[in-house]
């Protein structure tokens, strides 16, 4: 049963919830509610479990049991590779901006950058109307239909045809969505399903690409893998149709990058090192350690030893010789 009542069990922040009077069966895109129901039942509990696991890992780190490498596994001992498709071989330079700003989205896609990430996460407020506008803009951008009116030039500006890869950053696992079902659902799941349900592969110039923000463990990669494959199966797409890139911006993931890639090897194309959030996470997980000191992050360039170590450790399992380690 659907509900638009504000969930009050999460104290300390306002949960993203539709406005009063919203009826998900009536007001979501036709068929989307029914598409979401089984996905929510299957995957939202797993999101809650992974968030609880994050909390345990942080608590352990603050108690002195800091993040470390996992035991040897197929990910680190077997031969395997990731094939980078021709359409995204060069992604060394990507632009990013809020998906709810149509003018900015069009300008980025017309910039000539090899990749553009349309963001529903950090740069878009986690509020229903902004998020829904962002989704609508992404759908139009994917079809090449988005435009804006240029006041200075007094003309409508559209997206020019180009090989620019469009990446779509959905909300991270730490964010939930209220007002769709009686219990809260995963914001990540809601965003992925909302985008996938309303696009058709023959409308797109390349497979749908998802940017995964703020992952913290290799187990989370299994959740994303299963979501991608379940959505693809329901839509009749090839199992590995949805592609993704993940941001290494949490301290624990720096020790599980190979395992994370391995678990998502049928979908993932690369990793992006998120400098600012990684530094924040580094502080977060070492907050109780009197021996840990990090100076003003504005004075820390990306070539300091601990960043260079993380960059050099970023696994590059590709069948081609093209490598594109990114620093956000």
Protein backbone atom coordinates (compact mmCIF):
# COMPACT_ATOMS: atom_id res chain seq x y z
CA UNK A 1 0.00 0.00 0.00
CA UNK A 2 1.32 3.46 -0.86
CA UNK A 3 1.59 6.34 1.56
CA UNK A 4 2.65 9.97 1.35
CA UNK A 5 2.95 10.38 5.12
CA UNK A 6 6.27 11.74 6.33
CA UNK A 7 8.39 9.06 7.97
CA UNK A 8 9.32 10.18 11.51
CA UNK A 9 11.55 7.29 12.54
CA UNK A 10 14.66 9.03 11.16
CA UNK A 11 15.45 11.92 13.47
CA UNK A 12 17.95 14.63 12.58
CA UNK A 13 17.16 15.34 8.96
CA UNK A 14 14.18 15.76 6.69
CA UNK A 15 13.52 12.73 4.54
CA UNK A 16 12.93 13.34 0.84
CA UNK A 17 9.16 12.89 0.55
CA UNK A 18 6.61 13.97 -2.10
CA UNK A 19 4.30 16.89 -1.28
CA UNK A 20 1.03 16.46 0.58
CA UNK A 21 -1.67 14.84 -1.53
CA UNK A 22 0.79 12.89 -3.68
CA UNK A 23 -0.48 9.49 -4.74
CA UNK A 24 2.33 7.33 -6.17
CA UNK A 25 -0.04 5.04 -8.09
CA UNK A 26 -1.57 8.08 -9.77
CA UNK A 27 1.25 10.62 -9.88
CA UNK A 28 4.33 8.61 -10.84
CA UNK A 29 4.92 7.87 -14.52
CA UNK A 30 2.37 5.27 -15.67
CA UNK A 31 3.51 1.79 -14.64
CA UNK A 32 6.45 3.01 -12.54
CA UNK A 33 4.83 2.24 -9.17
CA UNK A 34 4.18 -1.36 -10.19
CA UNK A 35 7.73 -1.60 -11.57
CA UNK A 36 9.15 -0.34 -8.26
CA UNK A 37 7.14 -2.60 -5.94
CA UNK A 38 9.05 -5.90 -6.33
CA UNK A 39 12.38 -4.08 -6.60
CA UNK A 40 11.72 -2.22 -3.35
CA UNK A 41 10.68 -5.42 -1.57
CA UNK A 42 13.85 -7.18 -2.72
CA UNK A 43 16.50 -4.46 -2.43
CA UNK A 44 15.55 -1.83 0.15
CA UNK A 45 16.16 -4.21 3.10
CA UNK A 46 19.65 -4.85 1.72
CA UNK A 47 20.28 -1.11 1.62
CA UNK A 48 19.34 -0.85 5.30
CA UNK A 49 21.70 -3.72 6.14
CA UNK A 50 24.59 -2.14 4.23
CA UNK A 51 24.07 1.20 5.98
CA UNK A 52 24.15 -0.60 9.33
CA UNK A 53 27.36 -2.33 8.25
CA UNK A 54 28.87 1.09 7.48
CA UNK A 55 28.02 2.26 10.97
CA UNK A 56 29.69 -0.80 12.49
CA UNK A 57 32.83 -0.25 10.40
CA UNK A 58 33.06 3.38 11.53
CA UNK A 59 32.52 2.43 15.16
CA UNK A 60 35.26 -0.22 14.89
CA UNK A 61 37.67 2.24 13.31
CA UNK A 62 37.12 4.82 16.03
CA UNK A 63 37.77 2.07 18.58
CA UNK A 64 41.15 1.33 16.97
CA UNK A 65 40.26 -1.45 14.51
CA UNK A 66 40.91 0.61 11.39
CA UNK A 67 40.04 -0.34 7.79
CA UNK A 68 42.39 -2.87 6.24
CA UNK A 69 42.70 -5.16 3.24
CA UNK A 70 40.43 -8.18 2.88
CA UNK A 71 41.75 -11.78 2.86
CA UNK A 72 42.88 -13.19 -0.53
CA UNK A 73 39.99 -14.06 -2.85
CA UNK A 74 39.25 -14.63 -6.53
CA UNK A 75 39.32 -10.86 -6.92
CA UNK A 76 42.99 -10.67 -5.92
CA UNK A 77 44.36 -14.09 -6.92
CA UNK A 78 42.63 -15.07 -10.19
CA UNK A 79 43.01 -13.82 -13.74
CA UNK A 80 40.20 -11.55 -14.83
CA UNK A 81 39.72 -8.34 -16.77
CA UNK A 82 37.28 -5.56 -17.58
CA UNK A 83 36.68 -4.56 -21.17
CA UNK A 84 36.37 -0.83 -21.77
CA UNK A 85 33.92 -0.24 -24.67
CA UNK A 86 35.09 1.84 -27.61
CA UNK A 87 32.54 4.56 -26.91
CA UNK A 88 34.17 5.50 -23.60
CA UNK A 89 37.87 4.72 -24.08
CA UNK A 90 38.84 8.31 -23.33
CA UNK A 91 37.25 9.61 -20.14
CA UNK A 92 40.24 11.45 -18.68
CA UNK A 93 38.25 14.67 -18.59
CA UNK A 94 34.69 14.80 -17.34
CA UNK A 95 32.44 17.74 -16.51
CA UNK A 96 29.80 17.56 -13.82
CA UNK A 97 26.89 19.63 -12.61
CA UNK A 98 23.40 19.50 -11.11
CA UNK A 99 20.85 17.70 -13.24
CA UNK A 100 18.09 20.12 -12.24
CA UNK A 101 19.77 23.02 -14.11
CA UNK A 102 18.75 22.58 -17.77
CA UNK A 103 20.93 25.42 -19.07
CA UNK A 104 24.03 24.03 -17.38
CA UNK A 105 23.28 20.51 -18.59
CA UNK A 106 22.98 21.67 -22.21
CA UNK A 107 26.14 23.78 -21.98
CA UNK A 108 28.13 20.88 -20.53
CA UNK A 109 26.93 18.50 -23.23
CA UNK A 110 27.86 21.06 -25.89
CA UNK A 111 31.30 21.72 -24.37
CA UNK A 112 33.17 19.00 -26.24
CA UNK A 113 34.14 17.19 -23.02
CA UNK A 114 34.49 13.43 -23.55
CA UNK A 115 32.26 12.78 -20.55
CA UNK A 116 29.56 14.68 -18.65
CA UNK A 117 28.11 13.54 -15.34
CA UNK A 118 24.55 14.70 -14.62
CA UNK A 119 24.19 14.78 -10.88
CA UNK A 120 21.24 13.89 -8.66
CA UNK A 121 23.49 13.69 -5.61
CA UNK A 122 25.85 16.23 -4.03
CA UNK A 123 25.11 19.18 -6.33
CA UNK A 124 21.32 18.72 -6.38
CA UNK A 125 19.33 19.34 -3.22
CA UNK A 126 17.75 16.13 -1.91
CA UNK A 127 14.21 17.48 -2.17
CA UNK A 128 11.36 15.99 -4.18
CA UNK A 129 10.79 18.74 -6.74
CA UNK A 130 14.50 19.28 -7.46
CA UNK A 131 15.10 15.55 -7.77
CA UNK A 132 12.15 15.03 -10.09
CA UNK A 133 13.22 17.97 -12.27
CA UNK A 134 16.71 16.45 -12.39
CA UNK A 135 15.30 13.11 -13.55
CA UNK A 136 13.20 14.81 -16.25
CA UNK A 137 16.24 16.77 -17.49
CA UNK A 138 18.36 13.60 -17.59
CA UNK A 139 15.73 11.73 -19.60
CA UNK A 140 15.49 14.57 -22.11
CA UNK A 141 19.29 14.88 -22.27
CA UNK A 142 19.69 11.16 -22.93
CA UNK A 143 17.29 11.50 -25.87
CA UNK A 144 18.99 14.69 -27.08
CA UNK A 145 15.78 16.65 -26.52
CA UNK A 146 16.74 19.03 -23.69
CA UNK A 147 17.00 22.76 -24.45
CA UNK A 148 16.94 26.14 -22.72
CA UNK A 149 16.16 29.70 -23.74
CA UNK A 150 19.27 31.90 -23.99
CA UNK A 151 18.18 35.36 -22.87
CA UNK A 152 21.33 37.05 -24.16
CA UNK A 153 21.09 35.60 -27.66
CA UNK A 154 17.28 35.50 -27.66
CA UNK A 155 17.18 31.94 -28.96
CA UNK A 156 16.41 28.38 -27.90
CA UNK A 157 19.59 26.32 -27.46
CA UNK A 158 19.50 22.55 -27.90
CA UNK A 159 22.01 19.73 -27.41
CA UNK A 160 24.33 19.27 -30.37
CA UNK A 161 25.02 15.72 -31.60
CA UNK A 162 28.36 14.53 -30.21
CA UNK A 163 30.14 11.40 -28.89
CA UNK A 164 30.13 12.82 -25.34
CA UNK A 165 29.37 10.05 -22.84
CA UNK A 166 26.50 10.89 -20.49
CA UNK A 167 26.94 9.62 -16.94
CA UNK A 168 24.10 9.80 -14.43
CA UNK A 169 24.93 10.06 -10.74
CA UNK A 170 22.09 8.74 -8.61
CA UNK A 171 21.80 9.18 -4.87
CA UNK A 172 24.09 7.10 -2.66
CA UNK A 173 23.14 4.22 -0.39
CA UNK A 174 23.08 6.52 2.65
CA UNK A 175 20.01 8.33 1.27
CA UNK A 176 16.45 7.03 1.39
CA UNK A 177 13.20 7.97 -0.32
CA UNK A 178 9.94 8.37 1.57
CA UNK A 179 6.34 8.63 0.44
CA UNK A 180 6.33 5.90 -2.21
CA UNK A 181 5.54 2.92 0.03
CA UNK A 182 4.50 2.63 3.69
CA UNK A 183 8.15 2.03 4.60
CA UNK A 184 11.04 4.08 3.27
CA UNK A 185 12.88 2.80 0.22
CA UNK A 186 16.42 3.16 -1.06
CA UNK A 187 17.01 6.48 -2.81
CA UNK A 188 19.59 4.78 -5.03
CA UNK A 189 17.06 2.17 -6.11
CA UNK A 190 14.35 4.76 -6.73
CA UNK A 191 16.66 6.82 -8.94
CA UNK A 192 18.05 3.91 -10.97
CA UNK A 193 14.62 2.38 -11.51
CA UNK A 194 13.03 5.74 -12.37
CA UNK A 195 15.62 6.41 -15.07
CA UNK A 196 15.74 2.92 -16.52
CA UNK A 197 11.98 2.47 -16.64
CA UNK A 198 11.53 5.54 -18.83
CA UNK A 199 14.28 5.08 -21.41
CA UNK A 200 14.57 2.73 -24.36
CA UNK A 201 17.98 1.52 -25.57
CA UNK A 202 17.20 2.52 -29.16
CA UNK A 203 16.80 6.14 -27.99
CA UNK A 204 20.34 6.26 -26.58
CA UNK A 205 23.70 6.73 -28.28
CA UNK A 206 25.37 4.35 -25.79
CA UNK A 207 24.22 2.05 -22.97
CA UNK A 208 22.80 3.70 -19.87
CA UNK A 209 25.63 4.72 -17.54
CA UNK A 210 25.28 5.13 -13.77
CA UNK A 211 27.74 6.91 -11.49
CA UNK A 212 27.87 5.24 -8.06
CA UNK A 213 28.61 7.73 -5.25
CA UNK A 214 30.20 7.07 -1.88
CA UNK A 215 30.48 3.26 -1.81
CA UNK A 216 32.22 1.94 1.30
CA UNK A 217 32.71 -1.79 0.75
CA UNK A 218 32.98 -4.52 -1.87
CA UNK A 219 29.73 -5.99 -0.53
CA UNK A 220 27.95 -2.88 -1.73
CA UNK A 221 29.10 -3.65 -5.27
CA UNK A 222 27.07 -6.88 -5.09
CA UNK A 223 23.97 -4.85 -4.20
CA UNK A 224 24.49 -2.53 -7.18
CA UNK A 225 25.22 -5.50 -9.47
CA UNK A 226 22.03 -7.26 -8.44
CA UNK A 227 19.98 -4.07 -8.86
CA UNK A 228 21.35 -3.46 -12.37
CA UNK A 229 20.68 -7.03 -13.41
CA UNK A 230 17.20 -7.21 -11.87
CA UNK A 231 16.18 -3.95 -13.57
CA UNK A 232 17.61 -5.14 -16.88
CA UNK A 233 15.78 -8.46 -16.62
CA UNK A 234 12.45 -6.77 -15.90
CA UNK A 235 12.92 -4.50 -18.93
CA UNK A 236 14.11 -7.26 -21.27
CA UNK A 237 17.59 -5.76 -21.60
CA UNK A 238 20.82 -7.80 -21.79
CA UNK A 239 22.01 -8.76 -18.32
CA UNK A 240 25.11 -6.55 -18.50
CA UNK A 241 23.49 -3.65 -20.38
CA UNK A 242 23.75 -1.04 -17.61
CA UNK A 243 27.29 0.29 -17.21
CA UNK A 244 28.74 2.21 -14.29
CA UNK A 245 31.67 4.06 -12.76
CA UNK A 246 32.20 4.29 -9.01
CA UNK A 247 33.70 7.03 -6.88
CA UNK A 248 36.42 6.05 -4.42
CA UNK A 249 35.63 8.70 -1.84
CA UNK A 250 35.43 6.72 1.39
CA UNK A 251 38.44 5.51 3.36
CA UNK A 252 37.34 1.84 3.74
CA UNK A 253 36.86 1.38 -0.01
CA UNK A 254 40.50 2.30 -0.63
CA UNK A 255 41.31 -1.14 0.83
CA UNK A 256 38.69 -3.01 -1.23
CA UNK A 257 38.96 -1.53 -4.71
CA UNK A 258 39.92 -4.75 -6.48
CA UNK A 259 37.12 -6.68 -4.78
CA UNK A 260 34.67 -3.91 -5.61
CA UNK A 261 35.66 -3.97 -9.29
CA UNK A 262 35.53 -7.76 -9.36
CA UNK A 263 32.01 -7.87 -7.95
CA UNK A 264 30.83 -5.38 -10.59
CA UNK A 265 33.04 -6.62 -13.44
CA UNK A 266 30.14 -7.12 -15.86
CA UNK A 267 29.09 -3.48 -15.48
CA UNK A 268 31.88 -1.27 -14.22
CA UNK A 269 34.16 0.66 -16.56
CA UNK A 270 36.41 2.52 -14.13
CA UNK A 271 36.97 4.21 -10.79
CA UNK A 272 37.08 7.91 -10.02
CA UNK A 273 39.05 9.18 -7.02
CA UNK A 274 36.89 11.76 -5.22
CA UNK A 275 39.51 13.90 -3.50
CA UNK A 276 37.44 16.14 -1.24
CA UNK A 277 35.10 13.48 0.13
CA UNK A 278 37.98 11.05 0.53
CA UNK A 279 39.80 13.52 2.77
CA UNK A 280 36.64 14.03 4.81
CA UNK A 281 36.24 10.27 5.17
CA UNK A 282 39.88 9.91 6.15
CA UNK A 283 39.30 12.37 8.99
CA UNK A 284 36.02 10.67 9.93
CA UNK A 285 37.57 7.21 10.33
CA UNK A 286 40.62 8.50 12.23
CA UNK A 287 38.89 11.08 14.41
CA UNK A 288 39.76 9.36 17.70
CA UNK A 289 43.44 8.80 16.83
CA UNK A 290 45.62 11.45 18.53
CA UNK A 291 48.50 10.54 16.20
CA UNK A 292 46.48 11.41 13.10
CA UNK A 293 46.84 14.97 11.85
CA UNK A 294 45.55 16.36 8.56
CA UNK A 295 46.22 20.02 7.73
CA UNK A 296 43.72 22.34 6.09
CA UNK A 297 42.45 20.36 3.12
CA UNK A 298 42.65 23.47 0.92
CA UNK A 299 46.43 23.28 1.27
CA UNK A 300 46.63 19.62 0.19
CA UNK A 301 47.25 19.10 -3.55
CA UNK A 302 46.40 15.81 -5.26
CA UNK A 303 50.07 14.83 -5.57
CA UNK A 304 50.76 14.45 -1.84
CA UNK A 305 52.05 10.94 -0.96
CA UNK A 306 48.83 9.50 0.49
CA UNK A 307 46.86 10.55 -2.58
CA UNK A 308 49.55 9.32 -4.95
CA UNK A 309 49.51 5.98 -3.12
CA UNK A 310 45.75 5.68 -3.57
CA UNK A 311 45.97 6.65 -7.23
CA UNK A 312 48.76 4.17 -7.94
CA UNK A 313 46.81 1.41 -6.21
CA UNK A 314 43.68 2.02 -8.24
CA UNK A 315 43.36 -1.24 -10.19
CA UNK A 316 43.28 -0.93 -13.96
CA UNK A 317 41.97 -4.22 -15.34
CA UNK A 318 41.28 -3.39 -18.97
CA UNK A 319 41.84 -5.38 -22.14
CA UNK A 320 43.05 -2.22 -23.88
CA UNK A 321 46.10 -0.16 -23.05
CA UNK A 322 44.00 2.91 -22.35
CA UNK A 323 43.95 4.00 -18.70
CA UNK A 324 42.03 6.99 -17.42
CA UNK A 325 42.42 7.40 -13.65
CA UNK A 326 40.23 10.33 -12.69
CA UNK A 327 40.55 12.78 -9.85
CA UNK A 328 37.38 14.66 -9.01
